[in-house]
Amino acid sequence: MAFIKVLNSYAAFLYPNLGKQSGRINLYCDDHKLYLLFVDPSDPMPSNTFDAASKTGVAYQRFSQYGHYLDLVRNEKPINVTFRPEDAPPTYVIYCSAEPPGEGEI
């Protein structure tokens, strides 16, 4: 069954791997973690996974999406993560909601 967790903190990484584009954003939500792995366009896209024992999900995206996810977690609050481990393969949604309009950005 799907469940929602609130993002508490994150860590972001860029990897200079033999000229390929790759990166990672770790999302820490209380007792759950979601690792977003960004792969080079020339590499195959692995399937998402979820390990119930460690409460850790792994989701894959193309590297071209890295900046969008980083912008979301850096600039919005609160951030929620929906875990759907029952999907095959597991799916995840990272989003902000209930944010007041006109937060003062220029």
C-alpha atoms as a PDB file:
ATOM      1  CA  MET A   1       0.000   0.000   0.000  1.00  0.00           C
ATOM      2  CA  ALA A   2       1.254   3.497  -0.851  1.00  0.00           C
ATOM      3  CA  PHE A   3       2.414   5.777   1.938  1.00  0.00           C
ATOM      4  CA  ILE A   4       3.669   9.372   2.181  1.00  0.00           C
ATOM      5  CA  LYS A   5       6.749  10.597   4.046  1.00  0.00           C
ATOM      6  CA  VAL A   6       7.974  14.159   4.638  1.00  0.00           C
ATOM      7  CA  LEU A   7      11.469  14.999   3.409  1.00  0.00           C
ATOM      8  CA  ASN A   8      13.769  15.958   6.302  1.00  0.00           C
ATOM      9  CA  SER A   9      17.075  16.384   4.472  1.00  0.00           C
ATOM     10  CA  TYR A  10      18.895  15.518   1.258  1.00  0.00           C
ATOM     11  CA  ALA A  11      22.377  15.032  -0.162  1.00  0.00           C
ATOM     12  CA  ALA A  12      23.346  15.647  -3.795  1.00  0.00           C
ATOM     13  CA  PHE A  13      26.272  14.207  -5.778  1.00  0.00           C
ATOM     14  CA  LEU A  14      27.681  14.565  -9.297  1.00  0.00           C
ATOM     15  CA  TYR A  15      30.007  11.840 -10.558  1.00  0.00           C
ATOM     16  CA  PRO A  16      32.691  12.445 -13.222  1.00  0.00           C
ATOM     17  CA  ASN A  17      32.664   8.870 -14.525  1.00  0.00           C
ATOM     18  CA  LEU A  18      34.703   8.485 -17.710  1.00  0.00           C
ATOM     19  CA  GLY A  19      32.926  11.369 -19.409  1.00  0.00           C
ATOM     20  CA  LYS A  20      29.454   9.999 -18.706  1.00  0.00           C
ATOM     21  CA  GLN A  21      26.782  12.085 -17.033  1.00  0.00           C
ATOM     22  CA  SER A  22      25.656  10.647 -13.722  1.00  0.00           C
ATOM     23  CA  GLY A  23      24.501  11.872 -10.354  1.00  0.00           C
ATOM     24  CA  ARG A  24      22.604  11.001  -7.231  1.00  0.00           C
ATOM     25  CA  ILE A  25      20.224  12.698  -4.824  1.00  0.00           C
ATOM     26  CA  ASN A  26      19.541  10.974  -1.511  1.00  0.00           C
ATOM     27  CA  LEU A  27      16.240  11.862   0.144  1.00  0.00           C
ATOM     28  CA  TYR A  28      15.977  11.215   3.890  1.00  0.00           C
ATOM     29  CA  CYS A  29      12.447  10.934   5.293  1.00  0.00           C
ATOM     30  CA  ASP A  30      12.433   9.925   8.975  1.00  0.00           C
ATOM     31  CA  ASP A  31      12.938   6.162   8.854  1.00  0.00           C
ATOM     32  CA  HIS A  32      12.733   5.840   5.029  1.00  0.00           C
ATOM     33  CA  LYS A  33      15.213   6.753   2.308  1.00  0.00           C
ATOM     34  CA  LEU A  34      14.856   7.247  -1.422  1.00  0.00           C
ATOM     35  CA  TYR A  35      17.948   7.277  -3.610  1.00  0.00           C
ATOM     36  CA  LEU A  36      17.440   8.999  -6.963  1.00  0.00           C
ATOM     37  CA  LEU A  37      20.089   7.791  -9.398  1.00  0.00           C
ATOM     38  CA  PHE A  38      20.557   9.759 -12.616  1.00  0.00           C
ATOM     39  CA  VAL A  39      22.033   7.845 -15.527  1.00  0.00           C
ATOM     40  CA  ASP A  40      23.722   8.844 -18.756  1.00  0.00           C
ATOM     41  CA  PRO A  41      21.484   8.807 -21.864  1.00  0.00           C
ATOM     42  CA  SER A  42      23.683   6.105 -23.408  1.00  0.00           C
ATOM     43  CA  ASP A  43      23.222   3.721 -20.456  1.00  0.00           C
ATOM     44  CA  PRO A  44      20.255   1.370 -20.020  1.00  0.00           C
ATOM     45  CA  MET A  45      17.620   2.491 -17.515  1.00  0.00           C
ATOM     46  CA  PRO A  46      17.465   0.028 -14.588  1.00  0.00           C
ATOM     47  CA  SER A  47      14.187  -0.761 -12.848  1.00  0.00           C
ATOM     48  CA  ASN A  48      13.247   0.927  -9.587  1.00  0.00           C
ATOM     49  CA  THR A  49      13.550  -1.117  -6.400  1.00  0.00           C
ATOM     50  CA  PHE A  50      12.349  -1.053  -2.795  1.00  0.00           C
ATOM     51  CA  ASP A  51      13.933  -2.941   0.107  1.00  0.00           C
ATOM     52  CA  ALA A  52      11.361  -3.265   2.895  1.00  0.00           C
ATOM     53  CA  ALA A  53      13.935  -4.418   5.465  1.00  0.00           C
ATOM     54  CA  SER A  54      16.041  -1.255   5.160  1.00  0.00           C
ATOM     55  CA  LYS A  55      13.053   0.932   4.147  1.00  0.00           C
ATOM     56  CA  THR A  56      15.044   2.142   1.148  1.00  0.00           C
ATOM     57  CA  GLY A  57      13.854   2.845  -2.359  1.00  0.00           C
ATOM     58  CA  VAL A  58      15.990   3.367  -5.451  1.00  0.00           C
ATOM     59  CA  ALA A  59      14.565   5.240  -8.439  1.00  0.00           C
ATOM     60  CA  TYR A  60      16.241   5.936 -11.775  1.00  0.00           C
ATOM     61  CA  GLN A  61      15.964   8.931 -14.078  1.00  0.00           C
ATOM     62  CA  ARG A  62      17.906  10.268 -17.030  1.00  0.00           C
ATOM     63  CA  PHE A  63      20.638  12.720 -16.112  1.00  0.00           C
ATOM     64  CA  SER A  64      18.760  15.474 -17.958  1.00  0.00           C
ATOM     65  CA  GLN A  65      16.240  15.451 -15.063  1.00  0.00           C
ATOM     66  CA  TYR A  66      18.858  15.981 -12.320  1.00  0.00           C
ATOM     67  CA  GLY A  67      18.519  19.773 -12.200  1.00  0.00           C
ATOM     68  CA  HIS A  68      14.732  19.635 -11.934  1.00  0.00           C
ATOM     69  CA  TYR A  69      14.802  17.341  -8.901  1.00  0.00           C
ATOM     70  CA  LEU A  70      17.614  19.308  -7.265  1.00  0.00           C
ATOM     71  CA  ASP A  71      15.718  22.565  -7.765  1.00  0.00           C
ATOM     72  CA  LEU A  72      12.606  21.069  -6.195  1.00  0.00           C
ATOM     73  CA  VAL A  73      14.297  19.784  -3.031  1.00  0.00           C
ATOM     74  CA  ARG A  74      16.469  22.897  -2.619  1.00  0.00           C
ATOM     75  CA  ASN A  75      13.811  25.543  -3.131  1.00  0.00           C
ATOM     76  CA  GLU A  76      10.445  24.210  -2.021  1.00  0.00           C
ATOM     77  CA  LYS A  77       9.027  23.289   1.351  1.00  0.00           C
ATOM     78  CA  PRO A  78       7.463  21.084   2.518  1.00  0.00           C
ATOM     79  CA  ILE A  79       8.508  18.246   0.222  1.00  0.00           C
ATOM     80  CA  ASN A  80       6.618  14.954   0.366  1.00  0.00           C
ATOM     81  CA  VAL A  81       7.638  11.593  -1.028  1.00  0.00           C
ATOM     82  CA  THR A  82       5.019   9.020  -1.944  1.00  0.00           C
ATOM     83  CA  PHE A  83       6.388   5.480  -1.827  1.00  0.00           C
ATOM     84  CA  ARG A  84       4.476   2.893  -3.877  1.00  0.00           C
ATOM     85  CA  PRO A  85       6.392  -0.344  -3.215  1.00  0.00           C
ATOM     86  CA  GLU A  86       3.441  -2.475  -4.322  1.00  0.00           C
ATOM     87  CA  ASP A  87       3.820  -1.311  -7.953  1.00  0.00           C
ATOM     88  CA  ALA A  88       5.889  -3.508 -10.238  1.00  0.00           C
ATOM     89  CA  PRO A  89       8.450  -2.010 -10.420  1.00  0.00           C
ATOM     90  CA  PRO A  90       8.019   0.282  -7.399  1.00  0.00           C
ATOM     91  CA  THR A  91       7.196   3.924  -8.141  1.00  0.00           C
ATOM     92  CA  TYR A  92       7.788   7.150  -6.255  1.00  0.00           C
ATOM     93  CA  VAL A  93       6.482  10.715  -6.406  1.00  0.00           C
ATOM     94  CA  ILE A  94       8.424  13.699  -5.057  1.00  0.00           C
ATOM     95  CA  TYR A  95       6.323  16.827  -4.706  1.00  0.00           C
ATOM     96  CA  CYS A  96       5.506  19.952  -2.733  1.00  0.00           C
ATOM     97  CA  SER A  97       2.006  20.810  -1.646  1.00  0.00           C
ATOM     98  CA  ALA A  98       0.182  23.169   0.687  1.00  0.00           C
ATOM     99  CA  GLU A  99       2.783  25.837  -0.037  1.00  0.00           C
ATOM    100  CA  PRO A 100       1.354  29.358   0.161  1.00  0.00           C
ATOM    101  CA  PRO A 101       1.296  31.310  -3.109  1.00  0.00           C
ATOM    102  CA  GLY A 102       3.550  34.314  -3.539  1.00  0.00           C
ATOM    103  CA  GLU A 103       6.385  33.116  -1.365  1.00  0.00           C
ATOM    104  CA  GLY A 104       8.426  36.167  -2.325  1.00  0.00           C
ATOM    105  CA  GLU A 105      10.525  34.804  -5.181  1.00  0.00           C
ATOM    106  CA  ILE A 106      11.588  37.357  -7.775  1.00  0.00           C
END
